Amino acid sequence: MTHKVEDAHRAAQPSVWHSIKMVAWSFLGIRSKSAYQDDLSKVNPMHVLVVALVGVLLLVVGLISLVNWVVAK
Protein backbone atom coordinates (compact mmCIF):
# COMPACT_ATOMS: atom_id res chain seq x y z
CA MET A 1 0.00 0.00 0.00
CA THR A 2 2.80 2.42 0.80
CA HIS A 3 4.36 1.86 -2.62
CA LYS A 4 1.20 3.11 -4.32
CA VAL A 5 1.18 6.24 -2.17
CA GLU A 6 4.87 6.87 -2.86
CA ASP A 7 4.38 6.33 -6.61
CA ALA A 8 1.40 8.70 -6.69
CA HIS A 9 3.32 11.32 -4.74
CA ARG A 10 6.38 10.95 -7.00
CA ALA A 11 4.22 11.22 -10.14
CA ALA A 12 2.61 14.44 -8.87
CA GLN A 13 5.94 16.14 -8.13
CA PRO A 14 7.20 18.60 -10.73
CA SER A 15 10.39 17.46 -12.39
CA VAL A 16 12.85 18.87 -14.86
CA TRP A 17 12.40 15.82 -17.12
CA HIS A 18 8.67 16.56 -17.52
CA SER A 19 9.55 20.18 -18.32
CA ILE A 20 12.07 19.09 -20.98
CA LYS A 21 9.49 16.80 -22.60
CA MET A 22 6.83 19.51 -22.52
CA VAL A 23 9.10 22.13 -24.09
CA ALA A 24 10.33 19.68 -26.74
CA TRP A 25 6.76 18.85 -27.76
CA SER A 26 5.97 22.57 -27.79
CA PHE A 27 8.87 23.26 -30.16
CA LEU A 28 7.45 20.64 -32.52
CA GLY A 29 3.94 22.01 -32.12
CA ILE A 30 2.23 18.64 -31.87
CA ARG A 31 0.52 17.79 -28.60
CA SER A 32 -3.00 16.72 -27.76
CA LYS A 33 -5.00 18.87 -25.37
CA SER A 34 -5.38 16.08 -22.82
CA ALA A 35 -1.63 15.42 -22.80
CA TYR A 36 -1.00 19.16 -22.49
CA GLN A 37 -3.33 19.39 -19.49
CA ASP A 38 -1.63 16.36 -17.93
CA ASP A 39 1.79 17.97 -18.45
CA LEU A 40 0.69 21.22 -16.82
CA SER A 41 -0.01 19.36 -13.59
CA LYS A 42 3.46 17.77 -13.59
CA VAL A 43 5.72 20.77 -14.21
CA ASN A 44 7.10 23.71 -12.31
CA PRO A 45 6.76 26.98 -14.27
CA MET A 46 10.32 27.98 -13.38
CA HIS A 47 11.64 24.70 -14.82
CA VAL A 48 9.69 25.30 -18.02
CA LEU A 49 11.05 28.84 -18.33
CA VAL A 50 14.67 27.76 -17.84
CA VAL A 51 14.35 24.75 -20.18
CA ALA A 52 12.66 26.89 -22.85
CA LEU A 53 15.37 29.55 -22.68
CA VAL A 54 18.11 26.93 -22.96
CA GLY A 55 16.25 25.29 -25.86
CA VAL A 56 15.89 28.58 -27.72
CA LEU A 57 19.54 29.40 -27.09
CA LEU A 58 20.63 26.02 -28.45
CA LEU A 59 18.38 26.43 -31.48
CA VAL A 60 19.72 29.89 -32.30
CA VAL A 61 23.37 28.87 -31.79
CA GLY A 62 22.78 25.76 -33.90
CA LEU A 63 21.22 27.75 -36.73
CA ILE A 64 24.00 30.37 -36.66
CA SER A 65 26.62 27.61 -36.72
CA LEU A 66 24.87 25.88 -39.63
CA VAL A 67 24.67 29.09 -41.65
CA ASN A 68 28.34 29.88 -40.97
CA TRP A 69 29.32 26.35 -42.00
CA VAL A 70 27.30 26.52 -45.23
CA VAL A 71 28.53 30.01 -46.16
CA ALA A 72 32.16 29.09 -45.43
CA LYS A 73 32.13 26.30 -48.05
PDB file of N, CA and C in Angstrom:
ATOM      1  N   MET A   1       0.815  -1.190   0.000  1.00  0.00           N
ATOM      2  CA  MET A   1       0.000   0.000   0.000  1.00  0.00           C
ATOM      3  C   MET A   1       0.862   1.258   0.000  1.00  0.00           C
ATOM      4  N   THR A   2       1.957   1.226   0.737  1.00  0.00           N
ATOM      5  CA  THR A   2       2.795   2.419   0.798  1.00  0.00           C
ATOM      6  C   THR A   2       3.490   2.696  -0.533  1.00  0.00           C
ATOM      7  N   HIS A   3       3.733   1.647  -1.316  1.00  0.00           N
ATOM      8  CA  HIS A   3       4.364   1.858  -2.621  1.00  0.00           C
ATOM      9  C   HIS A   3       3.450   2.641  -3.544  1.00  0.00           C
ATOM     10  N   LYS A   4       2.147   2.373  -3.484  1.00  0.00           N
ATOM     11  CA  LYS A   4       1.204   3.107  -4.321  1.00  0.00           C
ATOM     12  C   LYS A   4       1.161   4.573  -3.930  1.00  0.00           C
ATOM     13  N   VAL A   5       1.202   4.857  -2.644  1.00  0.00           N
ATOM     14  CA  VAL A   5       1.178   6.239  -2.174  1.00  0.00           C
ATOM     15  C   VAL A   5       2.460   6.949  -2.594  1.00  0.00           C
ATOM     16  N   GLU A   6       3.599   6.278  -2.450  1.00  0.00           N
ATOM     17  CA  GLU A   6       4.866   6.873  -2.858  1.00  0.00           C
ATOM     18  C   GLU A   6       4.905   7.115  -4.360  1.00  0.00           C
ATOM     19  N   ASP A   7       4.408   6.171  -5.153  1.00  0.00           N
ATOM     20  CA  ASP A   7       4.384   6.330  -6.611  1.00  0.00           C
ATOM     21  C   ASP A   7       3.484   7.488  -7.017  1.00  0.00           C
ATOM     22  N   ALA A   8       2.320   7.608  -6.373  1.00  0.00           N
ATOM     23  CA  ALA A   8       1.403   8.697  -6.692  1.00  0.00           C
ATOM     24  C   ALA A   8       2.017  10.039  -6.311  1.00  0.00           C
ATOM     25  N   HIS A   9       2.685  10.077  -5.170  1.00  0.00           N
ATOM     26  CA  HIS A   9       3.324  11.319  -4.745  1.00  0.00           C
ATOM     27  C   HIS A   9       4.466  11.691  -5.684  1.00  0.00           C
ATOM     28  N   ARG A  10       5.262  10.710  -6.091  1.00  0.00           N
ATOM     29  CA  ARG A  10       6.380  10.946  -6.996  1.00  0.00           C
ATOM     30  C   ARG A  10       5.873  11.405  -8.361  1.00  0.00           C
ATOM     31  N   ALA A  11       4.769  10.843  -8.833  1.00  0.00           N
ATOM     32  CA  ALA A  11       4.218  11.222 -10.135  1.00  0.00           C
ATOM     33  C   ALA A  11       3.667  12.638 -10.118  1.00  0.00           C
ATOM     34  N   ALA A  12       3.198  13.106  -8.960  1.00  0.00           N
ATOM     35  CA  ALA A  12       2.614  14.437  -8.868  1.00  0.00           C
ATOM     36  C   ALA A  12       3.670  15.526  -8.698  1.00  0.00           C
ATOM     37  N   GLN A  13       4.896  15.153  -8.338  1.00  0.00           N
ATOM     38  CA  GLN A  13       5.942  16.138  -8.134  1.00  0.00           C
ATOM     39  C   GLN A  13       6.432  16.703  -9.465  1.00  0.00           C
ATOM     40  N   PRO A  14       6.627  18.019  -9.514  1.00  0.00           N
ATOM     41  CA  PRO A  14       7.202  18.605 -10.731  1.00  0.00           C
ATOM     42  C   PRO A  14       8.643  18.139 -10.911  1.00  0.00           C
ATOM     43  N   SER A  15       9.015  17.871 -12.135  1.00  0.00           N
ATOM     44  CA  SER A  15      10.386  17.461 -12.386  1.00  0.00           C
ATOM     45  C   SER A  15      10.906  18.161 -13.634  1.00  0.00           C
ATOM     46  N   VAL A  16      12.213  18.241 -13.712  1.00  0.00           N
ATOM     47  CA  VAL A  16      12.852  18.872 -14.864  1.00  0.00           C
ATOM     48  C   VAL A  16      12.617  18.033 -16.111  1.00  0.00           C
ATOM     49  N   TRP A  17      12.613  16.701 -15.961  1.00  0.00           N
ATOM     50  CA  TRP A  17      12.400  15.820 -17.117  1.00  0.00           C
ATOM     51  C   TRP A  17      11.046  16.078 -17.767  1.00  0.00           C
ATOM     52  N   HIS A  18       9.995  16.253 -16.960  1.00  0.00           N
ATOM     53  CA  HIS A  18       8.667  16.563 -17.519  1.00  0.00           C
ATOM     54  C   HIS A  18       8.698  17.912 -18.239  1.00  0.00           C
ATOM     55  N   SER A  19       9.444  18.865 -17.678  1.00  0.00           N
ATOM     56  CA  SER A  19       9.555  20.178 -18.319  1.00  0.00           C
ATOM     57  C   SER A  19      10.273  20.080 -19.662  1.00  0.00           C
ATOM     58  N   ILE A  20      11.332  19.269 -19.717  1.00  0.00           N
ATOM     59  CA  ILE A  20      12.065  19.089 -20.975  1.00  0.00           C
ATOM     60  C   ILE A  20      11.163  18.468 -22.030  1.00  0.00           C
ATOM     61  N   LYS A  21      10.405  17.436 -21.648  1.00  0.00           N
ATOM     62  CA  LYS A  21       9.491  16.800 -22.600  1.00  0.00           C
ATOM     63  C   LYS A  21       8.422  17.776 -23.076  1.00  0.00           C
ATOM     64  N   MET A  22       7.885  18.572 -22.162  1.00  0.00           N
ATOM     65  CA  MET A  22       6.827  19.511 -22.520  1.00  0.00           C
ATOM     66  C   MET A  22       7.349  20.573 -23.489  1.00  0.00           C
ATOM     67  N   VAL A  23       8.536  21.110 -23.219  1.00  0.00           N
ATOM     68  CA  VAL A  23       9.104  22.134 -24.091  1.00  0.00           C
ATOM     69  C   VAL A  23       9.463  21.540 -25.453  1.00  0.00           C
ATOM     70  N   ALA A  24       9.987  20.320 -25.467  1.00  0.00           N
ATOM     71  CA  ALA A  24      10.333  19.681 -26.742  1.00  0.00           C
ATOM     72  C   ALA A  24       9.085  19.482 -27.601  1.00  0.00           C
ATOM     73  N   TRP A  25       8.007  19.008 -27.009  1.00  0.00           N
ATOM     74  CA  TRP A  25       6.765  18.852 -27.759  1.00  0.00           C
ATOM     75  C   TRP A  25       6.238  20.205 -28.217  1.00  0.00           C
ATOM     76  N   SER A  26       6.426  21.235 -27.410  1.00  0.00           N
ATOM     77  CA  SER A  26       5.967  22.573 -27.792  1.00  0.00           C
ATOM     78  C   SER A  26       6.756  23.108 -28.984  1.00  0.00           C
ATOM     79  N   PHE A  27       8.064  22.835 -29.012  1.00  0.00           N
ATOM     80  CA  PHE A  27       8.866  23.263 -30.159  1.00  0.00           C
ATOM     81  C   PHE A  27       8.378  22.604 -31.435  1.00  0.00           C
ATOM     82  N   LEU A  28       7.964  21.343 -31.347  1.00  0.00           N
ATOM     83  CA  LEU A  28       7.455  20.643 -32.524  1.00  0.00           C
ATOM     84  C   LEU A  28       6.036  21.072 -32.884  1.00  0.00           C
ATOM     85  N   GLY A  29       5.286  21.531 -31.883  1.00  0.00           N
ATOM     86  CA  GLY A  29       3.936  22.009 -32.123  1.00  0.00           C
ATOM     87  C   GLY A  29       2.885  20.928 -32.248  1.00  0.00           C
ATOM     88  N   ILE A  30       3.207  19.718 -31.811  1.00  0.00           N
ATOM     89  CA  ILE A  30       2.229  18.638 -31.870  1.00  0.00           C
ATOM     90  C   ILE A  30       2.025  18.067 -30.467  1.00  0.00           C
ATOM     91  N   ARG A  31       0.846  18.309 -29.924  1.00  0.00           N
ATOM     92  CA  ARG A  31       0.519  17.791 -28.603  1.00  0.00           C
ATOM     93  C   ARG A  31      -0.993  17.819 -28.454  1.00  0.00           C
ATOM     94  N   SER A  32      -1.551  16.735 -27.962  1.00  0.00           N
ATOM     95  CA  SER A  32      -3.002  16.717 -27.760  1.00  0.00           C
ATOM     96  C   SER A  32      -3.359  17.539 -26.523  1.00  0.00           C
ATOM     97  N   LYS A  33      -4.572  18.027 -26.491  1.00  0.00           N
ATOM     98  CA  LYS A  33      -4.995  18.873 -25.375  1.00  0.00           C
ATOM     99  C   LYS A  33      -4.984  18.115 -24.055  1.00  0.00           C
ATOM    100  N   SER A  34      -5.375  16.855 -24.072  1.00  0.00           N
ATOM    101  CA  SER A  34      -5.378  16.081 -22.823  1.00  0.00           C
ATOM    102  C   SER A  34      -3.958  15.853 -22.310  1.00  0.00           C
ATOM    103  N   ALA A  35      -3.020  15.594 -23.211  1.00  0.00           N
ATOM    104  CA  ALA A  35      -1.626  15.416 -22.796  1.00  0.00           C
ATOM    105  C   ALA A  35      -1.052  16.743 -22.297  1.00  0.00           C
ATOM    106  N   TYR A  36      -1.447  17.833 -22.925  1.00  0.00           N
ATOM    107  CA  TYR A  36      -1.002  19.155 -22.493  1.00  0.00           C
ATOM    108  C   TYR A  36      -1.497  19.452 -21.075  1.00  0.00           C
ATOM    109  N   GLN A  37      -2.762  19.168 -20.817  1.00  0.00           N
ATOM    110  CA  GLN A  37      -3.326  19.386 -19.486  1.00  0.00           C
ATOM    111  C   GLN A  37      -2.636  18.506 -18.445  1.00  0.00           C
ATOM    112  N   ASP A  38      -2.336  17.279 -18.832  1.00  0.00           N
ATOM    113  CA  ASP A  38      -1.627  16.363 -17.934  1.00  0.00           C
ATOM    114  C   ASP A  38      -0.231  16.893 -17.632  1.00  0.00           C
ATOM    115  N   ASP A  39       0.447  17.422 -18.649  1.00  0.00           N
ATOM    116  CA  ASP A  39       1.785  17.973 -18.454  1.00  0.00           C
ATOM    117  C   ASP A  39       1.773  19.184 -17.532  1.00  0.00           C
ATOM    118  N   LEU A  40       0.756  20.020 -17.644  1.00  0.00           N
ATOM    119  CA  LEU A  40       0.686  21.218 -16.816  1.00  0.00           C
ATOM    120  C   LEU A  40       0.638  20.881 -15.327  1.00  0.00           C
ATOM    121  N   SER A  41       0.061  19.740 -14.991  1.00  0.00           N
ATOM    122  CA  SER A  41      -0.014  19.357 -13.586  1.00  0.00           C
ATOM    123  C   SER A  41       1.289  18.760 -13.080  1.00  0.00           C
ATOM    124  N   LYS A  42       2.218  18.445 -13.982  1.00  0.00           N
ATOM    125  CA  LYS A  42       3.456  17.774 -13.592  1.00  0.00           C
ATOM    126  C   LYS A  42       4.695  18.653 -13.692  1.00  0.00           C
ATOM    127  N   VAL A  43       4.546  19.938 -14.012  1.00  0.00           N
ATOM    128  CA  VAL A  43       5.722  20.769 -14.214  1.00  0.00           C
ATOM    129  C   VAL A  43       5.720  21.976 -13.284  1.00  0.00           C
ATOM    130  N   ASN A  44       6.900  22.480 -13.059  1.00  0.00           N
ATOM    131  CA  ASN A  44       7.101  23.711 -12.310  1.00  0.00           C
ATOM    132  C   ASN A  44       7.318  24.814 -13.341  1.00  0.00           C
ATOM    133  N   PRO A  45       6.605  25.918 -13.264  1.00  0.00           N
ATOM    134  CA  PRO A  45       6.757  26.980 -14.267  1.00  0.00           C
ATOM    135  C   PRO A  45       8.195  27.499 -14.399  1.00  0.00           C
ATOM    136  N   MET A  46       8.935  27.519 -13.313  1.00  0.00           N
ATOM    137  CA  MET A  46      10.321  27.982 -13.379  1.00  0.00           C
ATOM    138  C   MET A  46      11.173  27.003 -14.182  1.00  0.00           C
ATOM    139  N   HIS A  47      10.921  25.702 -14.025  1.00  0.00           N
ATOM    140  CA  HIS A  47      11.640  24.698 -14.818  1.00  0.00           C
ATOM    141  C   HIS A  47      11.349  24.897 -16.297  1.00  0.00           C
ATOM    142  N   VAL A  48      10.079  25.114 -16.621  1.00  0.00           N
ATOM    143  CA  VAL A  48       9.688  25.303 -18.023  1.00  0.00           C
ATOM    144  C   VAL A  48      10.375  26.531 -18.604  1.00  0.00           C
ATOM    145  N   LEU A  49      10.418  27.615 -17.854  1.00  0.00           N
ATOM    146  CA  LEU A  49      11.047  28.839 -18.331  1.00  0.00           C
ATOM    147  C   LEU A  49      12.538  28.624 -18.604  1.00  0.00           C
ATOM    148  N   VAL A  50      13.226  27.995 -17.680  1.00  0.00           N
ATOM    149  CA  VAL A  50      14.668  27.764 -17.843  1.00  0.00           C
ATOM    150  C   VAL A  50      14.932  26.816 -19.014  1.00  0.00           C
ATOM    151  N   VAL A  51      14.165  25.715 -19.096  1.00  0.00           N
ATOM    152  CA  VAL A  51      14.355  24.749 -20.177  1.00  0.00           C
ATOM    153  C   VAL A  51      14.049  25.394 -21.527  1.00  0.00           C
ATOM    154  N   ALA A  52      13.006  26.222 -21.587  1.00  0.00           N
ATOM    155  CA  ALA A  52      12.656  26.887 -22.845  1.00  0.00           C
ATOM    156  C   ALA A  52      13.754  27.864 -23.276  1.00  0.00           C
ATOM    157  N   LEU A  53      14.289  28.614 -22.336  1.00  0.00           N
ATOM    158  CA  LEU A  53      15.370  29.551 -22.679  1.00  0.00           C
ATOM    159  C   LEU A  53      16.613  28.818 -23.164  1.00  0.00           C
ATOM    160  N   VAL A  54      16.959  27.726 -22.523  1.00  0.00           N
ATOM    161  CA  VAL A  54      18.109  26.930 -22.955  1.00  0.00           C
ATOM    162  C   VAL A  54      17.839  26.336 -24.341  1.00  0.00           C
ATOM    163  N   GLY A  55      16.620  25.856 -24.561  1.00  0.00           N
ATOM    164  CA  GLY A  55      16.253  25.292 -25.860  1.00  0.00           C
ATOM    165  C   GLY A  55      16.332  26.320 -26.967  1.00  0.00           C
ATOM    166  N   VAL A  56      15.832  27.510 -26.717  1.00  0.00           N
ATOM    167  CA  VAL A  56      15.889  28.583 -27.720  1.00  0.00           C
ATOM    168  C   VAL A  56      17.341  28.972 -27.977  1.00  0.00           C
ATOM    169  N   LEU A  57      18.130  29.065 -26.930  1.00  0.00           N
ATOM    170  CA  LEU A  57      19.544  29.402 -27.088  1.00  0.00           C
ATOM    171  C   LEU A  57      20.269  28.351 -27.933  1.00  0.00           C
ATOM    172  N   LEU A  58      20.020  27.086 -27.659  1.00  0.00           N
ATOM    173  CA  LEU A  58      20.634  26.016 -28.447  1.00  0.00           C
ATOM    174  C   LEU A  58      20.179  26.057 -29.901  1.00  0.00           C
ATOM    175  N   LEU A  59      18.900  26.338 -30.124  1.00  0.00           N
ATOM    176  CA  LEU A  59      18.375  26.426 -31.483  1.00  0.00           C
ATOM    177  C   LEU A  59      19.035  27.569 -32.250  1.00  0.00           C
ATOM    178  N   VAL A  60      19.130  28.729 -31.633  1.00  0.00           N
ATOM    179  CA  VAL A  60      19.724  29.891 -32.298  1.00  0.00           C
ATOM    180  C   VAL A  60      21.203  29.649 -32.575  1.00  0.00           C
ATOM    181  N   VAL A  61      21.939  29.147 -31.599  1.00  0.00           N
ATOM    182  CA  VAL A  61      23.366  28.873 -31.790  1.00  0.00           C
ATOM    183  C   VAL A  61      23.555  27.814 -32.873  1.00  0.00           C
ATOM    184  N   GLY A  62      22.697  26.795 -32.873  1.00  0.00           N
ATOM    185  CA  GLY A  62      22.779  25.761 -33.904  1.00  0.00           C
ATOM    186  C   GLY A  62      22.522  26.309 -35.295  1.00  0.00           C
ATOM    187  N   LEU A  63      21.523  27.163 -35.426  1.00  0.00           N
ATOM    188  CA  LEU A  63      21.222  27.753 -36.734  1.00  0.00           C
ATOM    189  C   LEU A  63      22.341  28.683 -37.195  1.00  0.00           C
ATOM    190  N   ILE A  64      22.880  29.481 -36.297  1.00  0.00           N
ATOM    191  CA  ILE A  64      23.996  30.365 -36.664  1.00  0.00           C
ATOM    192  C   ILE A  64      25.203  29.542 -37.094  1.00  0.00           C
ATOM    193  N   SER A  65      25.486  28.481 -36.365  1.00  0.00           N
ATOM    194  CA  SER A  65      26.616  27.610 -36.722  1.00  0.00           C
ATOM    195  C   SER A  65      26.399  26.956 -38.079  1.00  0.00           C
ATOM    196  N   LEU A  66      25.182  26.503 -38.344  1.00  0.00           N
ATOM    197  CA  LEU A  66      24.869  25.881 -39.626  1.00  0.00           C
ATOM    198  C   LEU A  66      25.038  26.869 -40.773  1.00  0.00           C
ATOM    199  N   VAL A  67      24.543  28.073 -40.597  1.00  0.00           N
ATOM    200  CA  VAL A  67      24.670  29.091 -41.646  1.00  0.00           C
ATOM    201  C   VAL A  67      26.140  29.429 -41.878  1.00  0.00           C
ATOM    202  N   ASN A  68      26.908  29.594 -40.818  1.00  0.00           N
ATOM    203  CA  ASN A  68      28.341  29.885 -40.969  1.00  0.00           C
ATOM    204  C   ASN A  68      29.058  28.743 -41.667  1.00  0.00           C
ATOM    205  N   TRP A  69      28.697  27.517 -41.368  1.00  0.00           N
ATOM    206  CA  TRP A  69      29.322  26.351 -42.001  1.00  0.00           C
ATOM    207  C   TRP A  69      28.989  26.292 -43.493  1.00  0.00           C
ATOM    208  N   VAL A  70      27.713  26.569 -43.820  1.00  0.00           N
ATOM    209  CA  VAL A  70      27.302  26.517 -45.228  1.00  0.00           C
ATOM    210  C   VAL A  70      27.931  27.662 -46.018  1.00  0.00           C
ATOM    211  N   VAL A  71      27.976  28.848 -45.476  1.00  0.00           N
ATOM    212  CA  VAL A  71      28.527  30.012 -46.158  1.00  0.00           C
ATOM    213  C   VAL A  71      30.044  29.864 -46.320  1.00  0.00           C
ATOM    214  N   ALA A  72      30.715  29.220 -45.381  1.00  0.00           N
ATOM    215  CA  ALA A  72      32.160  29.089 -45.430  1.00  0.00           C
ATOM    216  C   ALA A  72      32.608  28.145 -46.548  1.00  0.00           C
ATOM    217  N   LYS A  73      31.736  27.276 -47.010  1.00  0.00           N
ATOM    218  CA  LYS A  73      32.135  26.305 -48.050  1.00  0.00           C
ATOM    219  C   LYS A  73      32.138  26.915 -49.385  1.00  0.00           C
TER     220      LYS A  73
END
